[in-house]
PDB file of all heavy atoms in Angstrom:
ATOM      1  N   TYR A   1     -58.065 -11.898 -13.577  1.00  0.00           N
ATOM      2  CA  TYR A   1     -57.602 -13.284 -13.540  1.00  0.00           C
ATOM      3  C   TYR A   1     -57.428 -13.797 -14.967  1.00  0.00           C
ATOM      4  O   TYR A   1     -58.295 -13.623 -15.817  1.00  0.00           O
ATOM      5  CB  TYR A   1     -58.603 -14.154 -12.788  1.00  0.00           C
ATOM      6  CG  TYR A   1     -58.115 -15.575 -12.590  1.00  0.00           C
ATOM      7  CD1 TYR A   1     -57.000 -15.837 -11.820  1.00  0.00           C
ATOM      8  CD2 TYR A   1     -58.777 -16.646 -13.189  1.00  0.00           C
ATOM      9  CE1 TYR A   1     -56.544 -17.131 -11.633  1.00  0.00           C
ATOM     10  CE2 TYR A   1     -58.336 -17.947 -13.006  1.00  0.00           C
ATOM     11  CZ  TYR A   1     -57.215 -18.184 -12.233  1.00  0.00           C
ATOM     12  OH  TYR A   1     -56.761 -19.465 -12.060  1.00  0.00           O
ATOM     13  N   GLY A   2     -56.275 -14.400 -15.213  1.00  0.00           N
ATOM     14  CA  GLY A   2     -55.999 -14.914 -16.545  1.00  0.00           C
ATOM     15  C   GLY A   2     -55.337 -13.920 -17.471  1.00  0.00           C
ATOM     16  O   GLY A   2     -55.034 -14.234 -18.620  1.00  0.00           O
ATOM     17  N   SER A   3     -55.084 -12.707 -16.984  1.00  0.00           N
ATOM     18  CA  SER A   3     -54.436 -11.684 -17.813  1.00  0.00           C
ATOM     19  C   SER A   3     -52.915 -11.804 -17.799  1.00  0.00           C
ATOM     20  O   SER A   3     -52.228 -11.123 -18.555  1.00  0.00           O
ATOM     21  CB  SER A   3     -54.831 -10.282 -17.330  1.00  0.00           C
ATOM     22  OG  SER A   3     -54.297 -10.041 -16.033  1.00  0.00           O
ATOM     23  N   GLY A   4     -52.391 -12.665 -16.922  1.00  0.00           N
ATOM     24  CA  GLY A   4     -50.939 -12.799 -16.793  1.00  0.00           C
ATOM     25  C   GLY A   4     -50.323 -11.748 -15.906  1.00  0.00           C
ATOM     26  O   GLY A   4     -49.111 -11.509 -15.958  1.00  0.00           O
ATOM     27  N   GLY A   5     -51.137 -11.126 -15.057  1.00  0.00           N
ATOM     28  CA  GLY A   5     -50.653 -10.037 -14.213  1.00  0.00           C
ATOM     29  C   GLY A   5     -49.516 -10.419 -13.293  1.00  0.00           C
ATOM     30  O   GLY A   5     -48.543  -9.662 -13.155  1.00  0.00           O
ATOM     31  N   ARG A   6     -49.621 -11.592 -12.658  1.00  0.00           N
ATOM     32  CA  ARG A   6     -48.543 -12.014 -11.749  1.00  0.00           C
ATOM     33  C   ARG A   6     -47.236 -12.210 -12.526  1.00  0.00           C
ATOM     34  O   ARG A   6     -46.179 -11.752 -12.094  1.00  0.00           O
ATOM     35  CB  ARG A   6     -48.916 -13.307 -11.030  1.00  0.00           C
ATOM     36  CG  ARG A   6     -47.792 -13.843 -10.145  1.00  0.00           C
ATOM     37  CD  ARG A   6     -48.108 -15.205  -9.540  1.00  0.00           C
ATOM     38  NE  ARG A   6     -46.909 -15.790  -8.978  1.00  0.00           N
ATOM     39  CZ  ARG A   6     -46.432 -15.543  -7.756  1.00  0.00           C
ATOM     40  NH1 ARG A   6     -47.061 -14.700  -6.960  1.00  0.00           N
ATOM     41  NH2 ARG A   6     -45.336 -16.123  -7.317  1.00  0.00           N
ATOM     42  N   GLU A   7     -47.324 -12.873 -13.672  1.00  0.00           N
ATOM     43  CA  GLU A   7     -46.127 -13.116 -14.490  1.00  0.00           C
ATOM     44  C   GLU A   7     -45.521 -11.794 -14.955  1.00  0.00           C
ATOM     45  O   GLU A   7     -44.293 -11.624 -14.943  1.00  0.00           O
ATOM     46  CB  GLU A   7     -46.494 -13.972 -15.698  1.00  0.00           C
ATOM     47  CG  GLU A   7     -45.316 -14.347 -16.570  1.00  0.00           C
ATOM     48  CD  GLU A   7     -45.706 -15.198 -17.761  1.00  0.00           C
ATOM     49  OE1 GLU A   7     -46.791 -15.829 -17.718  1.00  0.00           O
ATOM     50  OE2 GLU A   7     -44.938 -15.222 -18.747  1.00  0.00           O
ATOM     51  N   ILE A   8     -46.356 -10.862 -15.337  1.00  0.00           N
ATOM     52  CA  ILE A   8     -45.876  -9.538 -15.753  1.00  0.00           C
ATOM     53  C   ILE A   8     -45.186  -8.844 -14.580  1.00  0.00           C
ATOM     54  O   ILE A   8     -44.124  -8.232 -14.738  1.00  0.00           O
ATOM     55  CB  ILE A   8     -47.047  -8.692 -16.288  1.00  0.00           C
ATOM     56  CG1 ILE A   8     -47.522  -9.250 -17.629  1.00  0.00           C
ATOM     57  CG2 ILE A   8     -46.647  -7.218 -16.437  1.00  0.00           C
ATOM     58  CD1 ILE A   8     -48.862  -8.719 -18.093  1.00  0.00           C
ATOM     59  N   GLY A   9     -45.785  -8.940 -13.395  1.00  0.00           N
ATOM     60  CA  GLY A   9     -45.189  -8.342 -12.210  1.00  0.00           C
ATOM     61  C   GLY A   9     -43.831  -8.936 -11.890  1.00  0.00           C
ATOM     62  O   GLY A   9     -42.884  -8.212 -11.534  1.00  0.00           O
ATOM     63  N   GLU A  10     -43.705 -10.263 -12.023  1.00  0.00           N
ATOM     64  CA  GLU A  10     -42.423 -10.927 -11.767  1.00  0.00           C
ATOM     65  C   GLU A  10     -41.363 -10.471 -12.772  1.00  0.00           C
ATOM     66  O   GLU A  10     -40.215 -10.189 -12.394  1.00  0.00           O
ATOM     67  CB  GLU A  10     -42.599 -12.439 -11.856  1.00  0.00           C
ATOM     68  CG  GLU A  10     -43.347 -13.051 -10.684  1.00  0.00           C
ATOM     69  CD  GLU A  10     -43.519 -14.549 -10.822  1.00  0.00           C
ATOM     70  OE1 GLU A  10     -43.918 -15.009 -11.931  1.00  0.00           O
ATOM     71  OE2 GLU A  10     -43.265 -15.267  -9.845  1.00  0.00           O
ATOM     72  N   LYS A  11     -41.755 -10.400 -14.032  1.00  0.00           N
ATOM     73  CA  LYS A  11     -40.801  -9.972 -15.067  1.00  0.00           C
ATOM     74  C   LYS A  11     -40.382  -8.522 -14.842  1.00  0.00           C
ATOM     75  O   LYS A  11     -39.204  -8.175 -14.983  1.00  0.00           O
ATOM     76  CB  LYS A  11     -41.423 -10.133 -16.458  1.00  0.00           C
ATOM     77  CG  LYS A  11     -41.589 -11.581 -16.905  1.00  0.00           C
ATOM     78  CD  LYS A  11     -42.216 -11.653 -18.287  1.00  0.00           C
ATOM     79  CE  LYS A  11     -42.459 -13.099 -18.722  1.00  0.00           C
ATOM     80  NZ  LYS A  11     -41.218 -13.854 -18.918  1.00  0.00           N
ATOM     81  N   LEU A  12     -41.346  -7.683 -14.489  1.00  0.00           N
ATOM     82  CA  LEU A  12     -41.050  -6.275 -14.234  1.00  0.00           C
ATOM     83  C   LEU A  12     -40.093  -6.121 -13.055  1.00  0.00           C
ATOM     84  O   LEU A  12     -39.147  -5.324 -13.113  1.00  0.00           O
ATOM     85  CB  LEU A  12     -42.348  -5.515 -13.968  1.00  0.00           C
ATOM     86  CG  LEU A  12     -42.229  -4.017 -13.684  1.00  0.00           C
ATOM     87  CD1 LEU A  12     -41.620  -3.288 -14.864  1.00  0.00           C
ATOM     88  CD2 LEU A  12     -43.601  -3.428 -13.354  1.00  0.00           C
ATOM     89  N   ALA A  13     -40.316  -6.885 -11.996  1.00  0.00           N
ATOM     90  CA  ALA A  13     -39.435  -6.824 -10.827  1.00  0.00           C
ATOM     91  C   ALA A  13     -38.014  -7.238 -11.188  1.00  0.00           C
ATOM     92  O   ALA A  13     -37.037  -6.636 -10.716  1.00  0.00           O
ATOM     93  CB  ALA A  13     -39.988  -7.708  -9.708  1.00  0.00           C
ATOM     94  N   ARG A  14     -37.885  -8.265 -12.047  1.00  0.00           N
ATOM     95  CA  ARG A  14     -36.544  -8.691 -12.477  1.00  0.00           C
ATOM     96  C   ARG A  14     -35.880  -7.616 -13.331  1.00  0.00           C
ATOM     97  O   ARG A  14     -34.681  -7.352 -13.185  1.00  0.00           O
ATOM     98  CB  ARG A  14     -36.627 -10.011 -13.255  1.00  0.00           C
ATOM     99  CG  ARG A  14     -36.853 -11.232 -12.374  1.00  0.00           C
ATOM    100  CD  ARG A  14     -36.528 -12.514 -13.111  1.00  0.00           C
ATOM    101  NE  ARG A  14     -37.436 -12.779 -14.211  1.00  0.00           N
ATOM    102  CZ  ARG A  14     -38.566 -13.458 -14.098  1.00  0.00           C
ATOM    103  NH1 ARG A  14     -38.937 -13.936 -12.910  1.00  0.00           N
ATOM    104  NH2 ARG A  14     -39.331 -13.673 -15.146  1.00  0.00           N
ATOM    105  N   MET A  15     -36.658  -6.998 -14.206  1.00  0.00           N
ATOM    106  CA  MET A  15     -36.104  -5.929 -15.051  1.00  0.00           C
ATOM    107  C   MET A  15     -35.624  -4.750 -14.219  1.00  0.00           C
ATOM    108  O   MET A  15     -34.616  -4.115 -14.537  1.00  0.00           O
ATOM    109  CB  MET A  15     -37.162  -5.446 -16.053  1.00  0.00           C
ATOM    110  CG  MET A  15     -37.527  -6.444 -17.125  1.00  0.00           C
ATOM    111  SD  MET A  15     -38.921  -5.828 -18.134  1.00  0.00           S
ATOM    112  CE  MET A  15     -39.240  -7.246 -19.190  1.00  0.00           C
ATOM    113  N   MET A  16     -36.375  -4.455 -13.159  1.00  0.00           N
ATOM    114  CA  MET A  16     -36.030  -3.327 -12.293  1.00  0.00           C
ATOM    115  C   MET A  16     -35.020  -3.713 -11.224  1.00  0.00           C
ATOM    116  O   MET A  16     -34.448  -2.847 -10.558  1.00  0.00           O
ATOM    117  CB  MET A  16     -37.305  -2.788 -11.620  1.00  0.00           C
ATOM    118  CG  MET A  16     -38.318  -2.198 -12.579  1.00  0.00           C
ATOM    119  SD  MET A  16     -39.874  -1.706 -11.748  1.00  0.00           S
ATOM    120  CE  MET A  16     -39.303  -0.340 -10.718  1.00  0.00           C
ATOM    121  N   ASP A  17     -34.832  -5.042 -11.049  1.00  0.00           N
ATOM    122  CA  ASP A  17     -33.958  -5.574 -10.000  1.00  0.00           C
ATOM    123  C   ASP A  17     -34.421  -5.113  -8.616  1.00  0.00           C
ATOM    124  O   ASP A  17     -33.655  -4.592  -7.812  1.00  0.00           O
ATOM    125  CB  ASP A  17     -32.502  -5.159 -10.237  1.00  0.00           C
ATOM    126  CG  ASP A  17     -31.530  -5.929  -9.346  1.00  0.00           C
ATOM    127  OD1 ASP A  17     -31.866  -7.053  -8.920  1.00  0.00           O
ATOM    128  OD2 ASP A  17     -30.434  -5.393  -9.060  1.00  0.00           O
ATOM    129  N   VAL A  18     -35.734  -5.327  -8.380  1.00  0.00           N
ATOM    130  CA  VAL A  18     -36.333  -4.936  -7.105  1.00  0.00           C
ATOM    131  C   VAL A  18     -37.128  -6.118  -6.542  1.00  0.00           C
ATOM    132  O   VAL A  18     -37.466  -7.057  -7.275  1.00  0.00           O
ATOM    133  CB  VAL A  18     -37.265  -3.708  -7.268  1.00  0.00           C
ATOM    134  CG1 VAL A  18     -36.478  -2.511  -7.787  1.00  0.00           C
ATOM    135  CG2 VAL A  18     -38.445  -4.018  -8.184  1.00  0.00           C
ATOM    136  N   PRO A  19     -37.464  -6.104  -5.253  1.00  0.00           N
ATOM    137  CA  PRO A  19     -38.237  -7.199  -4.659  1.00  0.00           C
ATOM    138  C   PRO A  19     -39.643  -7.318  -5.255  1.00  0.00           C
ATOM    139  O   PRO A  19     -40.228  -6.323  -5.694  1.00  0.00           O
ATOM    140  CB  PRO A  19     -38.310  -6.815  -3.178  1.00  0.00           C
ATOM    141  CG  PRO A  19     -37.176  -5.881  -2.961  1.00  0.00           C
ATOM    142  CD  PRO A  19     -37.029  -5.121  -4.241  1.00  0.00           C
ATOM    143  N   PHE A  20     -40.150  -8.537  -5.255  1.00  0.00           N
ATOM    144  CA  PHE A  20     -41.490  -8.841  -5.779  1.00  0.00           C
ATOM    145  C   PHE A  20     -42.329  -9.433  -4.653  1.00  0.00           C
ATOM    146  O   PHE A  20     -41.879 -10.314  -3.926  1.00  0.00           O
ATOM    147  CB  PHE A  20     -41.379  -9.842  -6.925  1.00  0.00           C
ATOM    148  CG  PHE A  20     -42.704 -10.348  -7.430  1.00  0.00           C
ATOM    149  CD1 PHE A  20     -43.474  -9.586  -8.298  1.00  0.00           C
ATOM    150  CD2 PHE A  20     -43.188 -11.591  -7.028  1.00  0.00           C
ATOM    151  CE1 PHE A  20     -44.698 -10.052  -8.765  1.00  0.00           C
ATOM    152  CE2 PHE A  20     -44.408 -12.068  -7.487  1.00  0.00           C
ATOM    153  CZ  PHE A  20     -45.161 -11.287  -8.360  1.00  0.00           C
ATOM    154  N   TYR A  21     -43.562  -8.930  -4.511  1.00  0.00           N
ATOM    155  CA  TYR A  21     -44.449  -9.414  -3.454  1.00  0.00           C
ATOM    156  C   TYR A  21     -45.822  -9.773  -4.011  1.00  0.00           C
ATOM    157  O   TYR A  21     -46.488  -8.963  -4.640  1.00  0.00           O
ATOM    158  CB  TYR A  21     -44.624  -8.354  -2.356  1.00  0.00           C
ATOM    159  CG  TYR A  21     -43.363  -8.048  -1.605  1.00  0.00           C
ATOM    160  CD1 TYR A  21     -42.585  -6.946  -1.955  1.00  0.00           C
ATOM    161  CD2 TYR A  21     -42.939  -8.861  -0.556  1.00  0.00           C
ATOM    162  CE1 TYR A  21     -41.414  -6.659  -1.276  1.00  0.00           C
ATOM    163  CE2 TYR A  21     -41.768  -8.582   0.134  1.00  0.00           C
ATOM    164  CZ  TYR A  21     -41.013  -7.487  -0.233  1.00  0.00           C
ATOM    165  OH  TYR A  21     -39.850  -7.204   0.441  1.00  0.00           O
ATOM    166  N   ASP A  22     -46.217 -10.999  -3.783  1.00  0.00           N
ATOM    167  CA  ASP A  22     -47.570 -11.461  -4.085  1.00  0.00           C
ATOM    168  C   ASP A  22     -47.949 -12.385  -2.934  1.00  0.00           C
ATOM    169  O   ASP A  22     -48.305 -11.909  -1.858  1.00  0.00           O
ATOM    170  CB  ASP A  22     -47.611 -12.162  -5.451  1.00  0.00           C
ATOM    171  CG  ASP A  22     -49.015 -12.618  -5.843  1.00  0.00           C
ATOM    172  OD1 ASP A  22     -49.980 -12.253  -5.141  1.00  0.00           O
ATOM    173  OD2 ASP A  22     -49.159 -13.345  -6.831  1.00  0.00           O
ATOM    174  N   ARG A  23     -47.819 -13.679  -3.133  1.00  0.00           N
ATOM    175  CA  ARG A  23     -48.115 -14.610  -2.038  1.00  0.00           C
ATOM    176  C   ARG A  23     -47.096 -14.483  -0.910  1.00  0.00           C
ATOM    177  O   ARG A  23     -47.338 -14.960   0.205  1.00  0.00           O
ATOM    178  CB  ARG A  23     -48.127 -16.043  -2.575  1.00  0.00           C
ATOM    179  CG  ARG A  23     -49.193 -16.260  -3.657  1.00  0.00           C
ATOM    180  CD  ARG A  23     -49.288 -17.714  -4.082  1.00  0.00           C
ATOM    181  NE  ARG A  23     -50.130 -17.853  -5.248  1.00  0.00           N
ATOM    182  CZ  ARG A  23     -49.690 -17.956  -6.501  1.00  0.00           C
ATOM    183  NH1 ARG A  23     -48.383 -17.940  -6.734  1.00  0.00           N
ATOM    184  NH2 ARG A  23     -50.521 -18.091  -7.505  1.00  0.00           N
ATOM    185  N   GLU A  24     -45.971 -13.835  -1.216  1.00  0.00           N
ATOM    186  CA  GLU A  24     -44.958 -13.595  -0.183  1.00  0.00           C
ATOM    187  C   GLU A  24     -45.535 -12.807   0.982  1.00  0.00           C
ATOM    188  O   GLU A  24     -45.077 -12.927   2.127  1.00  0.00           O
ATOM    189  CB  GLU A  24     -43.763 -12.848  -0.788  1.00  0.00           C
ATOM    190  CG  GLU A  24     -42.953 -13.622  -1.810  1.00  0.00           C
ATOM    191  CD  GLU A  24     -43.578 -13.690  -3.193  1.00  0.00           C
ATOM    192  OE1 GLU A  24     -44.656 -13.099  -3.399  1.00  0.00           O
ATOM    193  OE2 GLU A  24     -42.973 -14.336  -4.071  1.00  0.00           O
ATOM    194  N   LEU A  25     -46.549 -11.973   0.712  1.00  0.00           N
ATOM    195  CA  LEU A  25     -47.177 -11.182   1.775  1.00  0.00           C
ATOM    196  C   LEU A  25     -47.905 -12.073   2.776  1.00  0.00           C
ATOM    197  O   LEU A  25     -47.990 -11.746   3.960  1.00  0.00           O
ATOM    198  CB  LEU A  25     -48.151 -10.168   1.172  1.00  0.00           C
ATOM    199  CG  LEU A  25     -47.518  -9.030   0.355  1.00  0.00           C
ATOM    200  CD1 LEU A  25     -48.590  -8.228  -0.352  1.00  0.00           C
ATOM    201  CD2 LEU A  25     -46.686  -8.124   1.265  1.00  0.00           C
ATOM    202  N   ILE A  26     -48.439 -13.200   2.303  1.00  0.00           N
ATOM    203  CA  ILE A  26     -49.103 -14.145   3.205  1.00  0.00           C
ATOM    204  C   ILE A  26     -48.077 -14.737   4.162  1.00  0.00           C
ATOM    205  O   ILE A  26     -48.323 -14.849   5.363  1.00  0.00           O
ATOM    206  CB  ILE A  26     -49.802 -15.262   2.409  1.00  0.00           C
ATOM    207  CG1 ILE A  26     -50.896 -14.680   1.515  1.00  0.00           C
ATOM    208  CG2 ILE A  26     -50.390 -16.308   3.359  1.00  0.00           C
ATOM    209  CD1 ILE A  26     -51.543 -15.697   0.602  1.00  0.00           C
ATOM    210  N   ALA A  27     -46.917 -15.124   3.624  1.00  0.00           N
ATOM    211  CA  ALA A  27     -45.855 -15.682   4.462  1.00  0.00           C
ATOM    212  C   ALA A  27     -45.391 -14.681   5.511  1.00  0.00           C
ATOM    213  O   ALA A  27     -45.174 -15.039   6.680  1.00  0.00           O
ATOM    214  CB  ALA A  27     -44.686 -16.126   3.591  1.00  0.00           C
ATOM    215  N   LEU A  28     -45.251 -13.416   5.115  1.00  0.00           N
ATOM    216  CA  LEU A  28     -44.831 -12.381   6.063  1.00  0.00           C
ATOM    217  C   LEU A  28     -45.897 -12.148   7.128  1.00  0.00           C
ATOM    218  O   LEU A  28     -45.567 -11.959   8.310  1.00  0.00           O
ATOM    219  CB  LEU A  28     -44.551 -11.070   5.311  1.00  0.00           C
ATOM    220  CG  LEU A  28     -43.295 -11.046   4.439  1.00  0.00           C
ATOM    221  CD1 LEU A  28     -43.261  -9.773   3.602  1.00  0.00           C
ATOM    222  CD2 LEU A  28     -42.038 -11.149   5.302  1.00  0.00           C
ATOM    223  N   ALA A  29     -47.170 -12.170   6.722  1.00  0.00           N
ATOM    224  CA  ALA A  29     -48.257 -11.993   7.680  1.00  0.00           C
ATOM    225  C   ALA A  29     -48.285 -13.143   8.678  1.00  0.00           C
ATOM    226  O   ALA A  29     -48.487 -12.931   9.882  1.00  0.00           O
ATOM    227  CB  ALA A  29     -49.594 -11.899   6.943  1.00  0.00           C
ATOM    228  N   ALA A  30     -48.078 -14.355   8.192  1.00  0.00           N
ATOM    229  CA  ALA A  30     -48.067 -15.528   9.063  1.00  0.00           C
ATOM    230  C   ALA A  30     -46.902 -15.456  10.039  1.00  0.00           C
ATOM    231  O   ALA A  30     -47.034 -15.782  11.226  1.00  0.00           O
ATOM    232  CB  ALA A  30     -47.988 -16.797   8.223  1.00  0.00           C
ATOM    233  N   GLN A  31     -45.765 -15.005   9.536  1.00  0.00           N
ATOM    234  CA  GLN A  31     -44.574 -14.889  10.374  1.00  0.00           C
ATOM    235  C   GLN A  31     -44.787 -13.882  11.493  1.00  0.00           C
ATOM    236  O   GLN A  31     -44.393 -14.108  12.643  1.00  0.00           O
ATOM    237  CB  GLN A  31     -43.388 -14.475   9.499  1.00  0.00           C
ATOM    238  CG  GLN A  31     -42.042 -14.523  10.199  1.00  0.00           C
ATOM    239  CD  GLN A  31     -40.922 -14.167   9.233  1.00  0.00           C
ATOM    240  OE1 GLN A  31     -41.148 -13.629   8.145  1.00  0.00           O
ATOM    241  NE2 GLN A  31     -39.702 -14.463   9.626  1.00  0.00           N
TER     242      GLN A  31
END
């Protein structure tokens, strides 16, 4: 926590042009 991991993951996903999942998994589980 506080390492910037989520932000790094988002940037990496944009660089790779691939989907990004974090809190999105909660929405999918709820759905």
